[in-house]
Protein backbone atom coordinates (compact mmCIF):
# COMPACT_ATOMS: atom_id res chain seq x y z
CA MET A 1 147.87 86.23 -9.16
CA SER A 2 144.76 87.80 -10.53
CA PRO A 3 142.57 89.92 -8.21
CA SER A 4 139.70 87.50 -8.56
CA ARG A 5 141.92 84.64 -7.31
CA LEU A 6 143.13 86.74 -4.36
CA GLU A 7 139.60 87.53 -3.30
CA GLN A 8 138.75 83.84 -3.33
CA LEU A 9 141.59 83.10 -0.88
CA LYS A 10 140.49 85.68 1.77
CA ALA A 11 139.60 84.13 5.18
CA PRO A 12 136.02 85.29 5.36
CA ASN A 13 135.32 83.57 2.15
CA LEU A 14 137.05 80.38 3.30
CA VAL A 15 134.59 79.95 6.27
CA SER A 16 131.56 81.55 4.91
CA LEU A 17 128.33 79.67 5.60
CA PRO A 18 124.80 80.28 4.71
CA GLU A 19 122.96 82.55 7.14
CA LYS A 20 120.52 79.84 8.25
CA THR A 21 123.36 77.44 9.03
CA LYS A 22 125.04 80.06 11.21
CA ARG A 23 121.93 80.48 13.30
CA ASN A 24 121.51 76.72 13.81
CA LEU A 25 125.10 76.38 14.93
CA LEU A 26 124.73 79.20 17.48
CA VAL A 27 121.61 77.62 18.97
CA ARG A 28 123.38 74.26 19.30
CA CYS A 29 126.34 75.91 21.12
CA MET A 30 124.04 77.64 23.55
CA ARG A 31 122.22 74.39 24.29
CA VAL A 32 125.47 72.56 24.94
CA GLY A 33 126.60 75.38 27.29
CA LEU A 34 123.39 75.24 29.24
CA ILE A 35 123.62 71.46 29.58
CA LEU A 36 127.22 71.69 30.82
CA SER A 37 126.26 74.40 33.35
CA LEU A 38 123.38 72.29 34.60
CA ILE A 39 125.64 69.25 35.03
CA ALA A 40 128.20 71.34 36.95
CA SER A 41 125.50 72.77 39.25
CA ILE A 42 124.10 69.34 40.04
CA SER A 43 127.58 67.99 40.79
CA LEU A 44 128.33 70.87 43.12
CA ALA A 45 125.02 70.44 44.95
CA LEU A 46 125.62 66.70 45.40
CA SER A 47 129.12 67.42 46.69
CA PHE A 48 127.79 69.75 49.39
CA ALA A 49 124.95 67.43 50.28
CA PHE A 50 127.12 64.36 50.91
CA SER A 51 130.21 66.06 52.30
CA PRO A 52 130.21 66.69 56.12
CA GLN A 53 132.16 69.88 55.64
CA SER A 54 133.17 71.41 52.37
CA ASN A 55 136.63 72.88 52.07
CA TRP A 56 135.98 74.47 48.67
CA PHE A 57 134.42 77.65 50.02
CA PRO A 58 135.47 78.29 53.66
CA ILE A 59 134.01 81.81 53.71
CA LEU A 60 130.67 80.38 52.58
CA ASP A 61 130.90 77.81 55.40
CA ARG A 62 131.51 80.50 58.00
CA ASN A 63 128.55 82.51 56.75
CA ARG A 64 126.40 79.39 56.89
CA ALA A 65 127.46 78.85 60.54
CA ARG A 66 126.60 82.41 61.43
CA THR A 67 123.20 81.99 59.81
CA ALA A 68 122.59 78.84 61.88
CA VAL A 69 123.47 80.63 65.12
CA SER A 70 121.17 83.51 64.18
CA ALA A 71 118.39 81.00 63.58
CA VAL A 72 118.88 79.56 67.08
CA PHE A 73 118.64 83.03 68.63
CA SER A 74 115.54 83.88 66.66
CA THR A 75 113.75 80.69 67.73
CA THR A 76 114.61 81.23 71.39
CA THR A 77 113.62 84.88 71.52
CA ASP A 78 110.66 85.11 69.17
CA ASP A 79 108.57 86.73 71.94
CA SER A 80 111.30 89.21 72.86
CA GLU A 81 108.83 92.10 72.90
CA LEU A 82 106.87 90.53 75.76
CA PRO A 83 107.83 91.14 79.42
CA THR A 84 110.01 88.50 81.04
CA ASP A 85 108.02 85.88 82.94
CA ILE A 86 108.74 82.53 84.60
CA SER A 87 108.53 80.69 81.26
CA HIS A 88 111.66 82.54 80.10
CA ILE A 89 113.85 81.11 82.88
CA LEU A 90 115.51 77.69 82.65
CA PHE A 91 116.82 76.32 85.97
CA GLY A 92 119.81 74.01 86.15
CA LEU A 93 120.40 72.29 89.51
CA GLY A 94 123.60 70.39 90.15
CA SER A 95 123.37 67.15 92.09
CA SER A 96 124.36 63.48 92.03
CA VAL A 97 122.49 60.21 92.28
CA ASP A 98 123.79 59.73 95.82
CA LYS A 99 122.66 63.16 97.08
CA TRP A 100 119.52 63.89 95.12
CA ARG A 101 117.23 61.55 97.07
CA ASP A 102 117.94 63.45 100.30
CA ARG A 103 118.07 66.92 98.74
CA CYS A 104 115.13 66.85 96.33
CA PRO A 105 112.50 67.56 99.04
CA TYR A 106 114.06 71.02 99.48
CA SER A 107 113.85 71.76 95.76
CA GLU A 108 110.27 70.49 95.64
CA THR A 109 109.22 73.17 98.16
CA TRP A 110 109.71 75.95 95.59
CA TRP A 111 109.46 74.11 92.26
CA ASN A 112 106.09 74.42 90.52
CA SER A 113 105.68 71.56 88.06
CA ASN A 114 103.14 73.60 86.06
CA THR A 115 105.32 76.66 85.48
CA THR A 116 108.96 75.97 86.41
CA ARG A 117 111.25 74.97 83.55
CA GLY A 118 114.52 73.18 84.07
CA TYR A 119 116.30 70.02 85.19
CA VAL A 120 118.43 68.59 87.92
CA TRP A 121 121.66 67.34 86.34
CA LEU A 122 122.96 64.04 87.72
CA ASP A 123 126.22 62.15 87.28
CA SER A 124 124.47 58.94 86.17
CA LYS A 125 121.02 57.58 85.50
CA PRO A 126 119.11 56.74 88.72
CA GLU A 127 117.42 53.37 89.05
CA ASN A 128 114.09 55.08 89.64
CA ASP A 129 112.80 58.62 89.26
CA VAL A 130 113.50 60.29 92.60
CA SER A 131 111.21 63.27 92.17
CA ALA A 132 107.74 63.24 90.68
CA TYR A 133 107.97 66.98 90.02
CA ILE A 134 111.51 67.80 88.90
CA PRO A 135 112.81 66.11 85.71
CA TYR A 136 116.43 65.03 85.52
CA ARG A 137 119.14 64.89 82.89
CA VAL A 138 122.45 63.04 82.93
CA SER A 139 125.56 65.13 82.34
CA GLU A 140 127.71 64.22 79.34
CA ASN A 141 131.27 64.81 78.15
CA TRP A 142 132.76 65.78 81.51
CA THR A 143 135.11 62.94 82.45
CA GLN A 144 137.91 63.80 80.00
CA PHE A 145 138.94 67.04 81.71
CA ARG A 146 141.83 67.39 84.14
CA TYR A 147 141.16 68.34 87.76
CA VAL A 148 142.99 68.70 91.06
CA HIS A 149 140.32 68.85 93.77
CA SER A 150 137.04 67.29 92.61
CA GLN A 151 135.95 65.86 89.28
CA SER A 152 132.31 66.55 90.12
CA GLU A 153 133.07 70.28 90.10
CA VAL A 154 134.05 69.96 86.44
CA ARG A 155 130.67 68.44 85.69
CA MET A 156 128.83 71.13 87.65
CA ALA A 157 130.66 73.87 85.75
CA ARG A 158 129.37 72.45 82.46
CA ILE A 159 125.70 72.45 83.50
CA VAL A 160 125.07 75.88 81.98
CA VAL A 161 126.56 74.59 78.69
CA ASP A 162 124.51 71.38 78.88
CA SER A 163 121.40 73.47 79.49
CA PHE A 164 122.16 75.77 76.58
CA ASN A 165 122.78 72.84 74.25
CA LEU A 166 119.22 71.65 74.79
CA ARG A 167 118.17 74.57 72.53
CA LEU A 168 114.83 74.96 74.27
CA GLN A 169 112.40 77.55 72.97
CA ASN A 170 112.02 81.05 74.43
CA VAL A 171 114.76 80.84 77.05
CA ARG A 172 116.10 84.24 78.11
CA TRP A 173 117.90 83.35 81.33
CA PHE A 174 119.73 80.32 82.67
CA VAL A 175 119.63 80.17 86.49
CA MET A 176 122.14 77.80 88.08
CA GLY A 177 122.07 76.47 91.65
CA ASP A 178 122.85 73.53 93.90
CA ASP A 179 120.48 70.77 94.93
CA ASP A 180 120.04 72.51 98.33
CA THR A 181 119.47 76.00 96.89
CA ILE A 182 116.04 77.41 97.73
CA PHE A 183 114.97 79.77 94.94
CA PHE A 184 112.14 82.29 95.03
CA PRO A 185 111.18 82.29 91.33
CA ASP A 186 108.62 85.12 91.30
CA ASN A 187 111.20 87.49 92.73
CA LEU A 188 113.78 86.27 90.22
CA VAL A 189 111.35 87.18 87.45
CA SER A 190 110.86 90.67 88.89
CA VAL A 191 114.60 91.27 89.18
CA LEU A 192 115.69 89.78 85.84
CA SER A 193 113.02 91.73 83.97
CA GLN A 194 115.03 94.87 84.74
CA TYR A 195 117.86 93.70 82.49
CA ASP A 196 118.04 93.38 78.71
CA HIS A 197 118.22 89.65 78.13
CA ASN A 198 119.70 90.28 74.66
CA GLN A 199 122.86 91.61 76.33
CA MET A 200 125.47 89.54 78.16
CA TYR A 201 124.75 89.51 81.91
CA TYR A 202 126.25 87.51 84.78
CA ILE A 203 124.15 88.14 87.91
CA GLY A 204 124.61 86.73 91.43
CA GLY A 205 126.10 87.35 94.85
CA ASN A 206 129.24 86.52 96.78
CA SER A 207 129.87 84.97 100.20
CA GLU A 208 128.84 86.44 103.54
CA SER A 209 132.14 85.36 105.11
CA VAL A 210 135.15 87.47 104.12
CA GLU A 211 137.44 84.45 104.48
CA GLN A 212 135.51 82.72 101.70
CA ASP A 213 135.68 85.72 99.39
CA VAL A 214 139.42 86.06 100.00
CA MET A 215 139.96 82.36 99.29
CA HIS A 216 137.85 82.35 96.11
CA ALA A 217 136.96 85.79 94.73
CA TYR A 218 134.99 88.90 95.65
CA ASP A 219 133.70 89.40 92.12
CA MET A 220 132.55 85.81 91.61
CA ALA A 221 128.97 84.58 91.85
CA PHE A 222 128.97 81.81 94.46
CA GLY A 223 127.15 78.83 93.00
CA GLY A 224 125.22 77.74 96.07
CA GLY A 225 123.49 81.10 96.26
CA GLY A 226 122.66 80.74 92.60
CA PHE A 227 123.39 82.94 89.62
CA ALA A 228 121.70 83.99 86.39
CA ILE A 229 123.25 84.08 82.91
CA SER A 230 121.56 85.72 79.93
CA TYR A 231 121.11 83.74 76.73
CA PRO A 232 123.81 85.49 74.66
CA LEU A 233 126.33 84.99 77.45
CA ALA A 234 125.41 81.31 77.71
CA ALA A 235 126.05 81.03 73.98
CA ARG A 236 129.57 82.42 74.44
CA LEU A 237 130.18 80.10 77.38
CA ALA A 238 129.14 77.14 75.25
CA GLU A 239 131.93 78.05 72.83
CA LEU A 240 134.64 78.62 75.46
CA MET A 241 133.84 76.49 78.50
CA ASP A 242 135.73 73.35 77.55
CA GLY A 243 138.87 75.39 76.91
CA CYS A 244 138.39 77.17 80.25
CA LEU A 245 138.10 73.81 82.01
CA ASP A 246 141.45 72.82 80.54
CA ARG A 247 143.12 76.10 81.46
CA TYR A 248 141.73 76.34 85.00
CA PHE A 249 141.87 72.68 86.00
CA ASN A 250 143.51 73.56 89.34
CA MET A 251 140.61 75.68 90.61
CA TYR A 252 138.56 74.44 93.54
CA GLY A 253 134.88 74.89 92.67
CA SER A 254 132.63 74.87 89.63
CA ASP A 255 131.61 78.48 90.25
CA GLN A 256 135.30 79.50 90.10
CA ARG A 257 135.68 77.88 86.71
CA VAL A 258 132.58 79.66 85.39
CA TRP A 259 133.85 82.96 86.80
CA ALA A 260 137.29 82.49 85.18
CA CYS A 261 135.60 82.00 81.83
CA MET A 262 133.52 85.16 82.44
CA VAL A 263 136.72 87.10 82.97
CA GLU A 264 138.05 85.89 79.61
CA ILE A 265 134.82 86.95 77.92
CA GLY A 266 135.01 90.31 79.70
CA VAL A 267 131.67 90.24 81.53
CA PRO A 268 131.69 91.47 85.16
CA LEU A 269 129.48 90.23 87.97
CA THR A 270 126.30 92.20 88.59
CA LYS A 271 125.83 91.79 92.35
CA LEU A 272 122.38 91.49 93.94
CA SER A 273 121.97 91.27 97.71
CA GLY A 274 118.96 88.94 97.46
CA PHE A 275 121.16 85.95 96.56
CA HIS A 276 122.27 84.23 99.77
CA GLN A 277 125.18 81.82 99.65
CA PHE A 278 124.74 81.54 103.43
CA ASP A 279 128.39 80.83 104.18
CA ILE A 280 127.64 81.11 107.89
CA ARG A 281 127.39 78.67 110.81
CA GLY A 282 124.94 78.50 113.63
CA ASP A 283 121.61 80.33 113.70
CA PRO A 284 120.66 82.34 110.56
CA TYR A 285 118.04 84.29 112.52
CA GLY A 286 119.99 87.55 112.59
CA VAL A 287 120.29 87.74 108.79
CA LEU A 288 116.68 86.76 108.10
CA ALA A 289 115.27 89.14 110.70
CA ALA A 290 117.12 92.09 109.13
CA HIS A 291 117.11 91.27 105.43
CA PRO A 292 118.57 93.88 103.05
CA LEU A 293 116.12 96.21 101.35
CA ALA A 294 115.92 93.95 98.30
CA PRO A 295 113.77 91.02 97.13
CA LEU A 296 114.66 87.60 98.52
CA LEU A 297 116.06 85.50 95.65
CA SER A 298 117.69 82.44 97.20
CA LEU A 299 118.87 80.64 100.34
CA HIS A 300 121.54 77.97 100.65
CA HIS A 301 123.22 75.62 103.16
CA ILE A 302 119.93 75.08 105.00
CA ASP A 303 121.04 71.72 106.40
CA ALA A 304 124.34 73.19 107.64
CA LEU A 305 122.53 75.73 109.84
CA GLU A 306 120.07 75.58 112.69
CA PRO A 307 116.45 75.36 111.50
CA ILE A 308 115.01 78.69 110.37
CA PHE A 309 112.08 78.22 112.75
CA PRO A 310 113.23 77.01 116.18
CA ASP A 311 110.34 74.62 116.78
CA GLN A 312 110.43 72.96 113.34
CA THR A 313 112.69 70.66 111.34
CA HIS A 314 114.93 72.02 108.59
CA LEU A 315 112.52 70.94 105.85
CA ASP A 316 109.37 72.10 107.65
CA SER A 317 111.03 75.46 108.26
CA VAL A 318 111.62 75.91 104.55
CA LYS A 319 108.04 74.87 103.80
CA SER A 320 106.71 77.48 106.25
CA LEU A 321 108.80 80.26 104.73
CA VAL A 322 107.92 79.28 101.15
CA HIS A 323 104.22 79.14 102.09
CA ALA A 324 104.34 82.74 103.27
CA TYR A 325 106.32 83.71 100.17
CA ARG A 326 103.65 82.31 97.86
CA VAL A 327 101.03 84.57 99.49
CA ASP A 328 103.04 87.78 98.91
CA PRO A 329 106.31 87.04 97.05
CA SER A 330 107.67 90.59 96.90
CA ARG A 331 107.15 91.21 100.62
CA ILE A 332 108.77 88.08 102.05
CA LEU A 333 111.36 89.01 104.75
CA GLN A 334 110.90 92.73 104.11
CA GLN A 335 111.63 94.68 107.28
CA SER A 336 109.45 97.41 108.72
CA PHE A 337 109.69 99.34 112.03
CA CYS A 338 107.25 101.15 114.30
CA TYR A 339 107.14 102.60 117.82
CA ASP A 340 104.74 102.75 120.74
CA ARG A 341 105.98 105.95 122.33
CA ARG A 342 103.62 105.76 125.31
CA ARG A 343 104.97 102.37 126.37
CA GLN A 344 108.45 103.07 124.99
CA TRP A 345 108.33 99.97 122.77
CA THR A 346 110.02 99.26 119.45
CA VAL A 347 108.72 96.72 116.95
CA SER A 348 110.72 95.30 114.02
CA ILE A 349 108.84 93.12 111.51
CA SER A 350 110.44 90.69 109.06
CA TRP A 351 107.31 89.86 107.10
CA GLY A 352 106.46 86.17 106.82
CA TYR A 353 109.06 85.14 109.36
CA THR A 354 109.54 86.95 112.68
CA ILE A 355 108.84 90.01 114.81
CA GLN A 356 111.13 91.50 117.46
CA LEU A 357 109.60 93.49 120.32
CA TYR A 358 111.98 95.67 122.35
CA PRO A 359 110.71 97.17 125.63
CA SER A 360 112.84 100.23 124.80
CA MET A 361 113.34 102.73 122.00
CA VAL A 362 115.77 101.40 119.39
CA SER A 363 116.83 103.41 116.33
CA ALA A 364 116.16 102.32 112.76
CA LEU A 365 119.90 102.34 112.14
CA GLU A 366 120.38 99.68 114.82
CA LEU A 367 117.34 97.65 113.81
CA GLN A 368 118.48 97.26 110.21
CA THR A 369 121.81 95.84 111.41
CA PRO A 370 121.59 92.04 111.84
CA LEU A 371 122.10 90.53 115.27
CA GLN A 372 125.13 88.27 115.07
CA THR A 373 123.53 84.95 115.86
CA PHE A 374 125.99 83.17 113.55
CA LYS A 375 129.71 82.65 112.90
CA THR A 376 131.91 82.46 109.82
CA TRP A 377 131.71 79.46 107.52
CA ARG A 378 135.21 78.03 107.60
CA SER A 379 136.77 79.11 110.91
CA TRP A 380 133.62 79.42 113.06
CA THR A 381 134.72 82.84 114.31
CA ASN A 382 132.90 86.12 114.93
CA GLY A 383 133.82 87.65 111.60
CA PRO A 384 134.55 89.52 109.57
CA PHE A 385 131.48 89.44 107.33
CA THR A 386 130.65 91.37 104.18
CA PHE A 387 128.00 93.35 106.10
CA ASN A 388 127.78 95.01 109.49
CA THR A 389 126.50 93.07 112.49
CA ARG A 390 125.64 93.91 116.09
CA PRO A 391 126.33 91.63 119.04
CA VAL A 392 123.62 89.83 120.95
CA SER A 393 123.68 91.38 124.39
CA SER A 394 124.48 89.10 127.33
CA ASN A 395 121.94 91.11 129.34
CA PRO A 396 118.56 89.39 128.81
CA CYS A 397 116.73 92.70 129.43
CA GLU A 398 118.41 94.15 126.33
CA GLN A 399 117.46 91.25 124.09
CA PRO A 400 114.29 91.44 121.98
CA ILE A 401 111.20 89.37 122.67
CA THR A 402 110.82 87.22 119.57
CA TYR A 403 107.73 86.06 117.72
CA PHE A 404 107.63 83.58 114.86
CA LEU A 405 105.12 83.15 112.05
CA GLU A 406 102.15 81.08 113.15
CA ASP A 407 99.67 81.67 110.33
CA VAL A 408 99.30 83.53 107.04
CA LYS A 409 96.02 84.30 105.31
CA ASP A 410 95.31 85.69 101.87
CA GLY A 411 92.51 88.25 102.16
CA ASN A 412 89.83 88.82 99.55
CA SER A 413 90.50 92.54 99.09
CA GLY A 414 94.22 92.34 98.35
CA ASP A 415 95.24 92.34 102.03
CA THR A 416 97.21 89.67 103.83
CA LEU A 417 96.92 88.76 107.49
CA THR A 418 99.94 87.22 109.22
CA THR A 419 100.00 86.11 112.87
CA TYR A 420 103.19 85.75 114.92
CA LYS A 421 103.32 83.83 118.20
CA ARG A 422 105.70 84.61 121.04
CA PHE A 423 108.61 82.19 121.34
CA VAL A 424 110.07 81.38 124.75
CA SER A 425 113.52 79.88 124.71
CA ASP A 426 114.55 77.46 127.42
CA LYS A 427 118.12 78.70 127.14
CA GLY A 428 119.84 81.56 128.92
CA LYS A 429 118.80 83.89 131.70
CA LYS A 430 115.42 85.60 131.99
CA CYS A 431 114.84 89.30 132.47
CA LYS A 432 112.92 90.03 135.68
CA ARG A 433 112.28 93.72 135.09
CA ALA A 434 108.62 94.77 135.39
CA ASP A 435 108.49 96.62 132.07
CA TYR A 436 110.00 93.60 130.32
CA ALA A 437 107.47 91.27 131.95
CA TYR A 438 104.67 93.59 130.77
CA ALA A 439 105.90 93.30 127.19
CA MET A 440 106.35 89.53 127.58
CA ALA A 441 102.62 89.25 128.28
CA MET A 442 101.97 90.03 124.62
CA GLN A 443 101.22 86.58 123.23
CA ARG A 444 100.59 87.34 119.57
CA ILE A 445 101.12 90.09 117.04
CA VAL A 446 98.89 90.33 113.97
CA VAL A 447 100.10 92.20 110.89
CA VAL A 448 97.85 93.46 108.11
CA SER A 449 99.37 94.58 104.82
CA ARG A 450 98.49 95.16 101.20
CA LYS A 451 100.05 92.77 98.74
CA MET A 452 103.13 94.25 97.16
CA ASP A 453 103.04 95.00 93.47
CA PRO A 454 105.18 92.35 91.68
CA GLN A 455 106.94 95.26 89.97
CA TYR A 456 107.61 97.04 93.27
CA TRP A 457 111.34 96.43 92.95
CA THR A 458 111.59 97.44 89.30
CA LYS A 459 109.50 100.55 88.72
CA GLN A 460 110.77 102.70 91.59
CA ALA A 461 113.82 103.24 93.78
CA PRO A 462 113.99 100.93 96.85
CA LEU A 463 112.06 102.41 99.77
CA ARG A 464 111.25 100.77 103.09
CA GLN A 465 107.55 100.79 103.95
CA CYS A 466 106.23 102.18 107.21
CA SER A 467 104.02 100.55 109.83
CA GLU A 468 101.94 101.58 112.81
CA ILE A 469 100.22 99.96 115.79
CA GLU A 470 96.49 100.20 115.11
CA ASN A 471 95.20 99.16 118.54
CA ARG A 472 97.78 101.17 120.47
CA GLU A 473 95.21 102.49 122.93
CA SER A 474 93.47 99.17 123.51
CA VAL A 475 96.41 96.77 123.75
CA SER A 476 95.56 94.70 126.81
CA GLY A 477 98.41 92.24 126.86
CA GLU A 478 97.14 89.53 124.52
CA THR A 479 97.34 90.71 120.92
CA MET A 480 98.83 93.65 119.08
CA LEU A 481 97.55 94.71 115.65
CA ILE A 482 99.96 96.36 113.23
CA ARG A 483 99.39 97.65 109.71
CA ILE A 484 102.19 97.95 107.14
CA ARG A 485 101.65 100.75 104.61
CA ARG A 486 103.44 103.10 102.30
CA CYS A 487 105.17 105.96 104.03
CA THR A 488 103.75 109.43 103.50
CA PRO A 489 106.01 111.87 101.57
CA SER A 490 107.19 113.62 104.76
CA GLU A 491 107.34 110.55 107.01
CA SER A 492 110.51 109.10 108.51
CA ILE A 493 111.22 106.27 110.95
CA THR A 494 112.50 108.37 113.83
CA ILE A 495 112.52 107.74 117.57
C-alpha cells in the first residue's frame, strides 16, 4: 500500500469535519444536556412536592425536620433578650366538664383576662361556656393509652404536650396546675425570671405530708401545687410523652407520669418552697401564718381544708387573700417579728393575712416554726411533715391572740396600709390572767409598709425584713401601729 493510501485510512481523516460544523455540533450537545438537566430537576421537584415523605434522601429529610424545629423555637423566643414577664407564661389547668363549673370561680380569682395566657383543658366540649374569663380546650388523643387507676390521669399528663402543640408565640414557660390550684402569677414571673428559659428546667414542689412523698416520690413535682416546665423541656416531652404513658401505665397520678418521663430525659426537679400542694387536713392557719422565707406561688386543696379566714366561706377567703396579694404581690404572707419589751409582748405578722400577739417574749426561732393546726393528708395523724412544726398549747394563756386581715389600702407614696381585727373564737377555754386580758383589749393592729420591689426575690439573697411598734408609748388598748422596714446592717431579731 502506498503511503498516500495509508494516510487516507487514518482515523482522524475518517471523521474529520469542517471547523464550523464541529462548533455547531458542540452547541447542539450542550443545549440537549441543559434541557435534560432541566427536565430532571422539574421531575425531582414535583416528586418532593406531591410525596408526603420522600425516601430518596433520608439525610435531607432529617435536616429538613431539624430546620423546622429550629424555626418553631425562633418564632417562640424572638424576644429572648427581653426580661421574662407574664406574657411569656402559658397556663394549663386540668379539669373536666363535670368539675369545672364548681371549680372555675377559684381560678377566676387570680386569672386576669387581659394578661393571663392559657386554657383549662376539659375531657369534652361543654354545652355552654362556663367561664367568661378563662378559655377552654378539649383534650385529644388520650383514650388509646392503657391505665390501671384512672384514665383521666392519662389525659392530665398530656396537657403539657397539648399546650406545646398549640405552637403559640413567645412562650417561655408552661405552668401546669389543677382546677383548684390558686396561682400567684406576679410571683411566678419573679421566680422564673431567675432561670434561663432556653435550658431544660422542671420546677415545682413536693407534698407537705411525708406519707404522700413516700407513696409517690420526694423528687417529683406534685401537680396540685403546680409546676413549671421550660420551652425546650416541653419540646422533649412532646416527643417522648406518649411512649412514657405506655411504659408507666400502672402509675397512679398524672404528675407521676410526667416525673417518670423527666427521669428518662435526665432533668431533675428544682424545688421551690412557694409551691403548696397542701396535702394537709384541718386548719391551714399554722402554715400560712409562718410561711417560708420565699414568694408565695400557689395554694391547693382549698375546699378540702377549713376556710383560710374563719369568718368567711372558702371562696371569699381566697378572694380576700388574692385582693391583698394584688396590692403588694411580693410581700403576701411574708413574716416579720417585733417586740414590745416594756409590756413583754411579741408580735408576728404574716402580711396580708394574720397577726399573732403573744403576751410574752417568744424567740424568732419559735415564731418561724408553724403551729400545727393541721394533720396529715391520708391518715389524719400528727405527722410527720416535710417541715418542723410546734404544737398548739392546751393552755389558753400560752396561745397567741389572733388578728385577721380586715382592710388593705394602696397608698399614694408607695406605702400600703393593712388593718387586722382581733378574732375571738367561741371554742376552747379562755385565759383569765390579767396580762393576757390587757393584751386582749387590743382591738386592731395597723401595719404600714413600703411595697416590695418585684425583683426583691431575684436580685439579692433572701432576708427577712424587720418591724417595729411606732406608737409603743401611746398604745392605749385600742389600736397598735407597726411599720415593716428593711433591717439595718447590724440589726437582728433578738429577745
